[in-house]
Protein backbone atom coordinates (compact mmCIF):
# COMPACT_ATOMS: atom_id res chain seq x y z
CA MET A 1 8.49 -17.90 59.31
CA SER A 2 4.85 -18.44 60.23
CA ALA A 3 4.68 -14.91 61.64
CA PHE A 4 6.17 -13.63 58.38
CA GLY A 5 3.60 -15.61 56.36
CA LEU A 6 0.82 -14.30 58.62
CA TRP A 7 2.02 -10.75 58.01
CA ALA A 8 2.10 -11.27 54.21
CA SER A 9 -1.35 -12.86 54.06
CA GLY A 10 -2.82 -10.26 56.42
CA THR A 11 -1.34 -7.44 54.37
CA VAL A 12 -2.93 -8.78 51.19
CA LEU A 13 -6.26 -9.38 52.87
CA VAL A 14 -6.49 -5.92 54.41
CA ILE A 15 -4.94 -3.75 51.69
CA PHE A 16 -5.99 -5.55 48.51
CA TYR A 17 -9.30 -7.16 49.42
CA THR A 18 -10.65 -4.84 52.14
CA LEU A 19 -9.29 -1.42 51.15
CA ASN A 20 -9.17 -2.26 47.41
CA GLN A 21 -5.76 -0.63 47.06
CA GLN A 22 -2.57 -1.64 45.29
CA LEU A 23 -0.16 -3.52 47.54
CA PRO A 24 2.98 -1.70 48.67
CA LEU A 25 6.30 -3.15 47.55
CA CYS A 26 4.59 -5.10 44.79
CA PRO A 27 6.36 -4.19 41.58
CA THR A 28 4.95 -4.66 38.13
CA GLY A 29 7.17 -5.55 35.23
CA THR A 30 9.23 -8.50 34.11
CA PHE A 31 11.76 -10.42 36.18
CA TYR A 32 13.72 -13.18 34.42
CA GLY A 33 10.93 -13.52 31.89
CA LEU A 34 8.16 -13.74 34.50
CA HIS A 35 5.49 -11.06 34.67
CA LEU A 36 5.30 -9.51 38.16
CA ASP A 37 1.80 -8.34 38.95
CA CYS A 38 0.12 -8.98 42.32
CA GLY A 39 -3.13 -7.50 41.05
CA ALA A 40 -3.34 -9.97 38.17
CA VAL A 41 -2.76 -12.94 40.47
CA LEU A 42 -5.07 -11.75 43.25
CA SER A 43 -7.83 -10.79 40.81
CA SER A 44 -7.76 -14.08 38.93
CA ALA A 45 -10.45 -16.72 39.20
CA TYR A 46 -7.88 -18.90 41.01
CA SER A 47 -7.47 -16.49 43.96
CA THR A 48 -10.60 -17.70 45.77
CA ILE A 49 -12.23 -20.97 46.74
CA PHE A 50 -16.02 -20.77 46.94
CA GLY A 51 -15.68 -16.99 47.21
CA VAL A 52 -13.17 -17.15 50.07
CA PRO A 53 -9.83 -15.46 49.28
CA LEU A 54 -6.86 -17.83 49.53
CA GLU A 55 -5.16 -15.23 51.73
CA LEU A 56 -7.84 -15.71 54.38
CA LEU A 57 -7.17 -19.45 54.27
CA ALA A 58 -3.43 -18.71 54.45
CA MET A 59 -3.98 -16.55 57.53
CA GLY A 60 -5.85 -19.44 59.13
CA TYR A 61 -3.03 -21.81 58.18
CA PHE A 62 -0.37 -19.60 59.75
CA ILE A 63 -2.45 -18.94 62.89
CA VAL A 64 -2.96 -22.69 63.44
CA ASN A 65 0.76 -23.17 62.79
CA LEU A 66 1.68 -20.60 65.45
CA CYS A 67 -0.77 -22.08 67.95
CA LEU A 68 0.68 -25.56 67.45
CA VAL A 69 4.22 -24.20 67.88
CA TYR A 70 3.10 -22.53 71.12
CA VAL A 71 1.72 -25.83 72.44
CA VAL A 72 4.91 -27.65 71.48
CA ALA A 73 7.04 -25.01 73.19
CA PHE A 74 5.02 -24.53 76.37
CA GLY A 75 2.84 -27.61 76.77
CA SER A 76 3.53 -30.60 78.97
CA GLU A 77 5.98 -33.17 77.65
CA ARG A 78 3.19 -35.55 76.61
CA THR A 79 1.15 -32.79 74.94
CA SER A 80 4.22 -31.38 73.20
CA GLU A 81 5.17 -34.73 71.69
CA ALA A 82 1.69 -35.38 70.30
CA THR A 83 1.33 -31.80 69.07
CA PHE A 84 4.74 -31.91 67.39
CA GLU A 85 3.61 -34.75 65.14
CA ILE A 86 0.34 -32.93 64.39
CA LEU A 87 2.44 -29.88 63.50
CA PHE A 88 4.45 -31.96 61.03
CA GLY A 89 1.24 -33.19 59.36
CA TRP A 90 -0.20 -29.68 59.28
CA ARG A 91 2.92 -28.28 57.66
CA PHE A 92 3.00 -31.19 55.22
CA ILE A 93 -0.48 -30.21 54.03
CA GLY A 94 0.80 -26.68 53.44
CA VAL A 95 3.90 -27.74 51.58
CA ILE A 96 2.03 -30.04 49.18
CA LEU A 97 -0.19 -27.13 48.10
CA VAL A 98 2.70 -24.81 47.21
CA PRO A 99 3.68 -26.47 43.88
CA TYR A 100 0.07 -26.25 42.67
CA LEU A 101 -0.19 -22.59 43.62
CA VAL A 102 3.11 -21.75 41.92
CA PHE A 103 2.03 -23.69 38.82
CA VAL A 104 -1.20 -21.68 38.64
CA GLU A 105 0.70 -18.39 39.02
CA VAL A 106 3.40 -19.17 36.45
CA PHE A 107 1.58 -21.21 33.81
CA VAL A 108 -2.11 -20.32 34.11
CA VAL A 109 -2.25 -16.70 35.29
CA ARG A 110 1.22 -16.02 33.86
CA ALA A 111 2.08 -13.59 36.63
CA ILE A 112 3.85 -13.72 39.97
CA CYS A 113 2.68 -12.07 43.19
CA ILE A 114 5.53 -11.14 45.54
CA TYR A 115 3.31 -11.53 48.62
CA CYS A 116 2.18 -14.99 47.49
CA THR A 117 5.82 -15.90 46.96
CA MET A 118 6.61 -14.72 50.51
CA MET A 119 3.88 -17.02 51.84
CA HIS A 120 5.17 -19.93 49.76
CA ILE A 121 8.68 -19.40 51.10
CA ALA A 122 7.37 -19.26 54.68
CA ILE A 123 5.47 -22.53 54.21
CA ILE A 124 8.47 -24.31 52.69
CA ALA A 125 10.90 -22.97 55.32
CA ASP A 126 8.55 -24.04 58.13
CA PHE A 127 8.32 -27.51 56.65
CA ILE A 128 12.09 -27.80 56.34
CA VAL A 129 12.54 -26.81 59.98
CA ILE A 130 9.91 -29.22 61.30
CA SER A 131 11.28 -32.06 59.14
CA TYR A 132 14.82 -31.43 60.36
CA LEU A 133 13.71 -31.36 63.98
CA LEU A 134 11.50 -34.43 63.65
CA PHE A 135 13.90 -36.64 61.74
CA PHE A 136 17.34 -35.44 62.76
CA ARG A 137 17.04 -33.58 66.07
CA LYS A 138 14.08 -35.03 67.91
CA ASP A 139 16.36 -35.80 70.85
CA ALA A 140 17.05 -32.07 71.25
CA LEU A 141 13.34 -31.43 71.78
CA LEU A 142 12.94 -33.81 74.71
CA PRO A 143 14.12 -33.06 78.24
CA ASP A 144 17.57 -34.35 79.15
CA GLY A 145 18.05 -35.65 75.58
CA GLU A 146 15.81 -38.67 76.26
CA ALA A 147 14.88 -39.60 72.71
CA GLN A 148 12.11 -42.12 72.39
CA GLY A 149 12.99 -44.55 69.67
CA PRO A 150 15.84 -44.32 67.23
CA VAL A 151 16.93 -41.00 65.85
CA VAL A 152 17.43 -41.06 62.08
CA THR A 153 20.78 -39.65 61.01
CA ALA A 154 22.06 -38.71 57.61
CA SER A 155 24.59 -41.05 56.07
């Protein structure tokens, strides 16, 4: 999902901000009462922080996410364990920002950007996966199923 989010944020950054062109596959119109318009969202005052497009920050987020996943997957056991918990915290930061961003799109700008929605879905899906692995399947991540500490299970 991080690669998908990186693709979506990179597409917006290159096509919309660099080439100043309309995004492909970004319909305009109304969908269940919500106005679909990537241009309106990406051109709003809320699309940048101190002049930096949110998509550039999103690209950074997804790149860090992928780097942390790489370390978890291919690092030593000790490094992987420490990095896994950092990855959870990193993804938590991402997931707490999504409701604010959706609120701004829906209630302030009054338009939805499909690419932004793709990034939001990627962030939420990544967080669900890391939460599941951390709280319910941590034993599957360690060699020979040697879980350190109790594994929380659903009741």
